[in-house]
Protein backbone atom coordinates (compact mmCIF):
# COMPACT_ATOMS: atom_id res chain seq x y z
CA MET A 1 59.33 47.96 28.88
CA THR A 2 60.70 46.99 25.45
CA LYS A 3 58.38 44.64 23.58
CA VAL A 4 59.87 42.14 21.15
CA LEU A 5 57.80 40.16 18.64
CA VAL A 6 59.31 36.96 17.27
CA ALA A 7 57.28 36.52 14.08
CA THR A 8 57.99 33.21 12.40
CA VAL A 9 55.65 31.49 10.01
CA LYS A 10 58.29 28.72 10.19
CA PRO A 11 58.90 28.62 13.95
CA PHE A 12 62.25 28.30 15.68
CA ALA A 13 62.93 24.90 17.23
CA PRO A 14 61.69 24.59 20.85
CA ALA A 15 65.25 24.65 22.18
CA ALA A 16 65.91 27.90 20.32
CA VAL A 17 62.68 29.43 21.64
CA GLU A 18 63.74 28.71 25.21
CA GLU A 19 67.16 30.26 24.69
CA ILE A 20 65.67 33.38 23.11
CA LYS A 21 63.28 33.73 26.05
CA LYS A 22 66.20 33.49 28.48
CA VAL A 23 68.13 36.25 26.73
CA PHE A 24 65.19 38.65 26.80
CA ALA A 25 64.14 37.73 30.35
CA LYS A 26 67.62 38.58 31.59
CA ALA A 27 67.35 42.01 29.94
CA ASP A 28 63.82 42.48 31.37
CA TYR A 29 62.27 42.69 27.89
CA THR A 30 58.80 41.38 27.05
CA CYS A 31 58.98 38.75 24.35
CA SER A 32 56.04 37.16 22.51
CA PHE A 33 56.04 34.54 19.78
CA PHE A 34 53.74 34.79 16.75
CA GLU A 35 54.10 31.50 14.89
CA LYS A 36 52.57 29.61 11.96
CA TYR A 37 50.31 32.48 10.96
CA ASN A 38 48.26 32.09 7.80
CA ASN A 39 48.66 35.38 5.92
CA GLN A 40 50.23 38.82 5.87
CA ASP A 41 47.12 40.48 7.29
CA GLU A 42 47.61 38.51 10.51
CA LEU A 43 51.20 39.70 10.71
CA VAL A 44 50.16 43.30 10.11
CA SER A 45 47.74 43.03 13.03
CA ALA A 46 50.31 41.45 15.32
CA VAL A 47 53.01 44.13 15.07
CA SER A 48 51.11 47.15 16.35
CA ASP A 49 52.93 47.48 19.71
CA ALA A 50 56.28 45.88 18.88
CA ASP A 51 59.46 47.84 19.55
CA ALA A 52 61.59 45.15 17.95
CA MET A 53 61.12 42.08 15.77
CA ILE A 54 62.93 38.86 15.04
CA VAL A 55 61.95 37.15 11.78
CA ARG A 56 63.17 34.30 9.63
CA SER A 57 61.83 34.06 6.05
CA ASP A 58 58.81 36.24 6.93
CA LYS A 59 57.92 39.06 4.54
CA ILE A 60 58.43 42.42 6.20
CA THR A 61 56.56 44.60 3.73
CA PRO A 62 55.90 48.36 3.82
CA GLU A 63 52.46 47.51 5.23
CA VAL A 64 53.98 45.61 8.14
CA ILE A 65 56.40 48.45 8.89
CA GLN A 66 53.69 51.11 8.68
CA ALA A 67 51.49 49.13 11.08
CA ALA A 68 54.28 48.91 13.65
CA GLY A 69 54.30 52.46 14.93
CA ASN A 70 56.80 51.78 17.73
CA LEU A 71 59.16 49.62 15.69
CA LYS A 72 62.85 50.48 16.00
CA ILE A 73 64.65 47.35 14.76
CA VAL A 74 64.05 44.18 12.74
CA VAL A 75 66.58 41.38 12.90
CA ARG A 76 66.51 38.67 10.26
CA ALA A 77 67.76 35.49 11.95
CA GLY A 78 69.98 34.35 9.10
CA ALA A 79 72.25 35.79 6.45
CA GLY A 80 69.84 36.71 3.63
CA PHE A 81 67.59 39.72 4.17
CA ASP A 82 65.80 40.11 0.83
CA ASN A 83 62.52 39.34 2.61
CA VAL A 84 62.70 42.72 4.41
CA ASN A 85 61.79 45.87 2.53
CA LEU A 86 64.83 48.01 3.30
CA GLU A 87 63.52 51.17 1.66
CA ALA A 88 60.38 51.18 3.79
CA ALA A 89 62.39 50.41 6.90
CA THR A 90 64.82 53.26 6.25
CA ALA A 91 61.98 55.68 5.47
CA ASN A 92 60.44 54.86 8.84
CA ASN A 93 63.71 55.00 10.82
CA VAL A 94 63.72 51.26 11.41
CA VAL A 95 67.11 49.57 11.60
CA VAL A 96 67.40 46.21 9.82
CA MET A 97 70.06 43.66 10.73
CA ASN A 98 70.94 40.10 9.81
CA THR A 99 72.95 37.53 11.77
CA PRO A 100 75.83 36.67 9.43
CA GLY A 101 77.74 33.50 10.14
CA GLN A 102 75.26 31.89 12.50
CA ASN A 103 73.84 29.52 9.86
CA SER A 104 77.01 29.21 7.82
CA ASN A 105 78.19 25.77 8.90
CA ALA A 106 74.71 24.27 8.42
CA VAL A 107 74.51 25.66 4.87
CA ALA A 108 78.06 24.55 4.04
CA GLU A 109 77.43 21.00 5.23
CA LEU A 110 74.20 20.88 3.22
CA ALA A 111 76.00 22.01 0.05
CA ILE A 112 78.58 19.26 0.41
CA GLY A 113 75.89 16.73 1.34
CA MET A 114 73.97 17.49 -1.84
CA MET A 115 77.13 17.07 -3.88
CA VAL A 116 77.60 13.60 -2.39
CA TYR A 117 73.93 12.77 -2.98
CA GLN A 118 74.11 13.72 -6.65
CA ALA A 119 77.52 12.13 -7.19
CA ARG A 120 76.14 8.83 -5.87
CA ASN A 121 73.07 8.95 -8.13
CA HIS A 122 70.60 9.75 -5.34
CA PHE A 123 71.69 6.56 -3.55
CA ASN A 124 69.73 4.49 -6.06
CA GLY A 125 72.13 1.54 -5.95
CA SER A 126 73.98 2.28 -9.15
CA SER A 127 77.65 3.11 -9.44
CA GLY A 128 78.38 6.81 -8.91
CA THR A 129 81.49 8.95 -8.63
CA GLU A 130 83.62 10.37 -5.83
CA LEU A 131 84.28 13.97 -4.86
CA LYS A 132 87.98 13.36 -4.28
CA GLY A 133 90.09 14.87 -7.04
CA LYS A 134 87.18 16.84 -8.51
CA LYS A 135 87.41 20.59 -9.06
CA LEU A 136 85.03 22.68 -6.93
CA GLY A 137 84.33 26.30 -7.76
CA ILE A 138 82.92 28.55 -5.05
CA HIS A 139 80.95 31.52 -6.36
CA ALA A 140 81.12 34.09 -3.49
CA PHE A 141 83.60 33.49 -0.72
CA GLY A 142 81.81 34.80 2.35
CA ASN A 143 81.15 32.93 5.59
CA VAL A 144 79.47 29.96 3.86
CA GLY A 145 81.83 29.80 0.91
CA LYS A 146 84.84 29.72 3.19
CA LEU A 147 83.42 26.79 5.18
CA VAL A 148 82.50 24.91 1.99
CA ALA A 149 86.12 25.29 0.90
CA ARG A 150 87.42 23.87 4.17
CA ILE A 151 85.09 20.87 4.10
CA ALA A 152 85.76 20.20 0.42
CA THR A 153 89.49 20.27 1.04
CA GLY A 154 88.97 17.54 3.59
CA PHE A 155 87.29 15.49 0.87
CA GLY A 156 90.36 15.91 -1.32
CA MET A 157 88.75 18.29 -3.80
CA ASP A 158 90.69 20.97 -5.68
CA VAL A 159 89.05 24.24 -4.65
CA PHE A 160 88.75 27.43 -6.70
CA ALA A 161 86.87 30.65 -5.98
CA PHE A 162 85.58 33.88 -7.44
CA ASP A 163 84.47 36.87 -5.37
CA PRO A 164 85.18 40.47 -6.45
CA PHE A 165 84.39 41.73 -2.95
CA ILE A 166 86.96 39.62 -1.09
CA GLN A 167 90.70 40.29 -1.17
CA ARG A 168 92.57 37.74 -3.29
CA SER A 169 95.08 37.26 -0.46
CA GLU A 170 92.29 36.36 1.96
CA MET A 171 90.99 33.65 -0.36
CA GLU A 172 94.45 32.30 -1.10
CA ALA A 173 95.13 32.14 2.64
CA GLU A 174 92.33 29.55 2.77
CA GLY A 175 94.20 27.41 0.27
CA VAL A 176 91.98 28.10 -2.73
CA ARG A 177 93.00 29.21 -6.19
CA VAL A 178 91.34 32.40 -7.36
CA PHE A 179 89.74 33.12 -10.73
CA GLU A 180 89.20 36.62 -12.09
CA SER A 181 85.78 35.96 -13.62
CA THR A 182 82.71 33.82 -13.19
CA GLU A 183 83.17 32.54 -16.74
CA GLU A 184 86.56 31.04 -15.86
CA LEU A 185 85.18 29.48 -12.67
CA TYR A 186 82.18 27.87 -14.33
CA ALA A 187 84.16 26.59 -17.31
CA HIS A 188 86.90 25.02 -15.21
CA CYS A 189 85.08 23.22 -12.40
CA ASP A 190 83.24 19.93 -12.00
CA TYR A 191 81.07 21.42 -9.25
CA VAL A 192 80.10 25.04 -8.65
CA SER A 193 78.67 25.99 -5.26
CA LEU A 194 76.62 29.16 -5.41
CA HIS A 195 76.48 31.60 -2.45
CA ILE A 196 75.55 34.98 -3.90
CA PRO A 197 72.74 37.11 -2.41
CA ALA A 198 69.58 38.00 -4.29
CA ASN A 199 69.64 41.69 -5.24
CA LYS A 200 69.14 43.88 -8.29
CA HIS A 201 72.64 43.01 -9.52
CA THR A 202 72.32 39.23 -9.19
CA LEU A 203 68.72 38.45 -10.14
CA GLN A 204 68.76 35.85 -12.96
CA SER A 205 72.48 36.43 -13.35
CA ILE A 206 73.15 32.67 -13.42
CA ASN A 207 71.92 32.44 -16.98
CA TYR A 208 72.34 30.38 -20.14
CA LYS A 209 75.44 32.27 -21.24
CA LEU A 210 77.22 31.39 -18.00
CA LEU A 211 75.85 27.89 -17.45
CA SER A 212 76.55 26.84 -21.03
CA LYS A 213 80.25 27.14 -20.24
CA MET A 214 80.08 24.28 -17.73
CA LYS A 215 81.77 21.07 -18.79
CA ALA A 216 80.09 17.71 -19.44
CA GLY A 217 79.05 16.12 -16.16
CA ALA A 218 79.33 19.36 -14.18
CA CYS A 219 76.97 20.08 -11.31
CA LEU A 220 75.64 23.42 -10.05
CA VAL A 221 74.80 23.50 -6.32
CA ASN A 222 72.54 26.34 -5.20
CA THR A 223 72.03 27.01 -1.50
CA ALA A 224 71.60 30.74 -2.13
CA ARG A 225 68.32 31.95 -3.66
CA LYS A 226 66.18 30.66 -6.53
CA GLU A 227 65.81 34.18 -7.92
CA VAL A 228 69.45 34.31 -9.02
CA ILE A 229 68.83 31.49 -11.53
CA HIS A 230 67.49 32.26 -15.02
CA GLU A 231 65.16 29.26 -15.25
CA GLU A 232 64.59 29.28 -19.02
CA GLY A 233 68.35 29.30 -19.51
CA LEU A 234 68.69 26.48 -16.99
CA VAL A 235 66.29 24.28 -19.01
CA LYS A 236 68.19 25.04 -22.21
CA VAL A 237 71.46 23.92 -20.59
CA PHE A 238 69.82 20.70 -19.39
CA GLU A 239 68.74 20.05 -22.97
CA GLU A 240 72.06 20.84 -24.60
CA ASN A 241 74.39 19.31 -21.99
CA PRO A 242 73.04 15.76 -21.43
CA SER A 243 75.11 15.19 -18.30
CA PHE A 244 74.66 18.60 -16.63
CA LYS A 245 73.25 18.42 -13.07
CA TYR A 246 71.56 20.89 -10.73
CA VAL A 247 70.81 20.47 -7.02
CA SER A 248 69.32 23.05 -4.69
CA ASP A 249 67.54 23.55 -1.39
CA ILE A 250 65.24 26.06 -3.07
CA ALA A 251 62.90 24.49 -5.57
CA PRO A 252 62.67 26.57 -8.77
CA ASP A 253 59.33 27.70 -10.14
CA ASN A 254 59.73 25.17 -12.96
CA LYS A 255 60.49 22.28 -10.59
CA GLY A 256 57.75 20.14 -12.13
CA LEU A 257 59.22 20.41 -15.62
CA LEU A 258 62.77 19.69 -14.45
CA THR A 259 61.92 16.69 -12.28
CA LYS A 260 59.75 15.22 -15.03
CA ARG A 261 62.31 15.58 -17.80
CA PHE A 262 65.62 15.34 -15.93
CA ALA A 263 64.79 13.45 -12.72
CA ASP A 264 68.17 11.73 -12.42
CA ARG A 265 70.08 14.99 -12.97
CA CYS A 266 68.37 17.28 -10.48
CA PHE A 267 67.32 17.29 -6.83
CA PHE A 268 65.41 19.77 -4.70
CA THR A 269 64.77 19.56 -0.96
CA PRO A 270 61.11 19.79 0.11
CA LYS A 271 61.73 23.24 1.64
CA LYS A 272 64.61 25.67 2.25
CA MET A 273 66.99 23.52 4.29
CA GLY A 274 70.19 25.52 4.65
CA ALA A 275 69.56 26.65 8.23
CA GLN A 276 67.53 23.65 9.29
CA THR A 277 69.76 22.29 12.02
CA ALA A 278 69.28 22.51 15.78
CA GLU A 279 72.61 24.29 16.14
CA ALA A 280 71.94 26.92 13.48
CA ASN A 281 68.45 27.51 14.80
CA ILE A 282 69.72 28.23 18.28
CA ASN A 283 72.75 30.25 17.16
CA ALA A 284 70.75 32.56 14.89
CA GLY A 285 67.97 33.06 17.41
CA ILE A 286 70.32 33.95 20.27
CA ALA A 287 72.38 36.24 18.02
CA ALA A 288 69.22 38.09 16.90
CA ALA A 289 68.10 38.57 20.50
CA GLN A 290 71.52 39.82 21.61
CA GLN A 291 71.74 42.24 18.69
CA ILE A 292 68.37 43.75 19.57
CA ILE A 293 69.45 44.32 23.16
CA ALA A 294 72.78 45.80 22.10
CA PHE A 295 71.01 48.18 19.74
CA ILE A 296 68.31 49.25 22.20
CA GLU A 297 70.71 49.66 25.11
CA SER A 298 73.77 51.16 23.45
CA GLY A 299 72.93 51.94 19.82
CA ASP A 300 75.14 49.14 18.44
CA THR A 301 74.51 48.87 14.68
CA THR A 302 77.30 46.42 13.86
CA PHE A 303 75.16 44.22 11.60
CA LYS A 304 72.95 46.93 10.12
CA VAL A 305 72.12 46.31 6.44
CA ASN A 306 70.04 49.40 5.55
């Protein structure tokens, strides 16, 4: 019997857990939940007999993969998969998948919500500004970026985008205007919503040179990864552009410095919040379970990332 380990230091919501159990019970798979563990050593011990794993932000290191001698597939319930060591997985014939699109609406709504929160001065009672008529730049026009564009259009924003991996015609079909470079996007827009992955090409790529092109009063919204931001450059932009703003659901390493010096111009959620809705939780969990079954039963590798 196939054994699935759902390893989540940040557990799925109870409703999602029940739905995941139903999917695996129907397929006659054994499913166990390993939640709120304290360290990587505990995870290494827990994976010994797992044929498949579902994880969220959990670190799937070479040590974890080596300890799981029966492991055939790991599914990251969410879009980002930089928490899984792809090289180790490939070397050990372990397929890695993500669940693209399942959290997208939750992340998109959060991005817009944080724009509203910053535009209205953190709801502190003072007079703020409106999103209507403002220029929004979307950096990466994947599942999330596309939904951000649709919501922002409903707010009456003028939407622009840059993504070298998406056909221009596809972006224009969504009613956005396309820029040919990040520099143009950042210089032109009042808000920039960031949706790039964290990889060797993007790490610290949102740097001083790029951010210094943003206009007075502009706001960067990051619901992607903290690692793509060059934090020293970010501080320099805060210092040189006295009305620059930055909001994110991933607190930077220098959060203390930023909130102390620029409290009214930055905001960070207490933890990663993009996928923290009941709907996203359930959608991603069910998708992960179904992908495991499809792979085990028929070799389906549709969402393979390694």
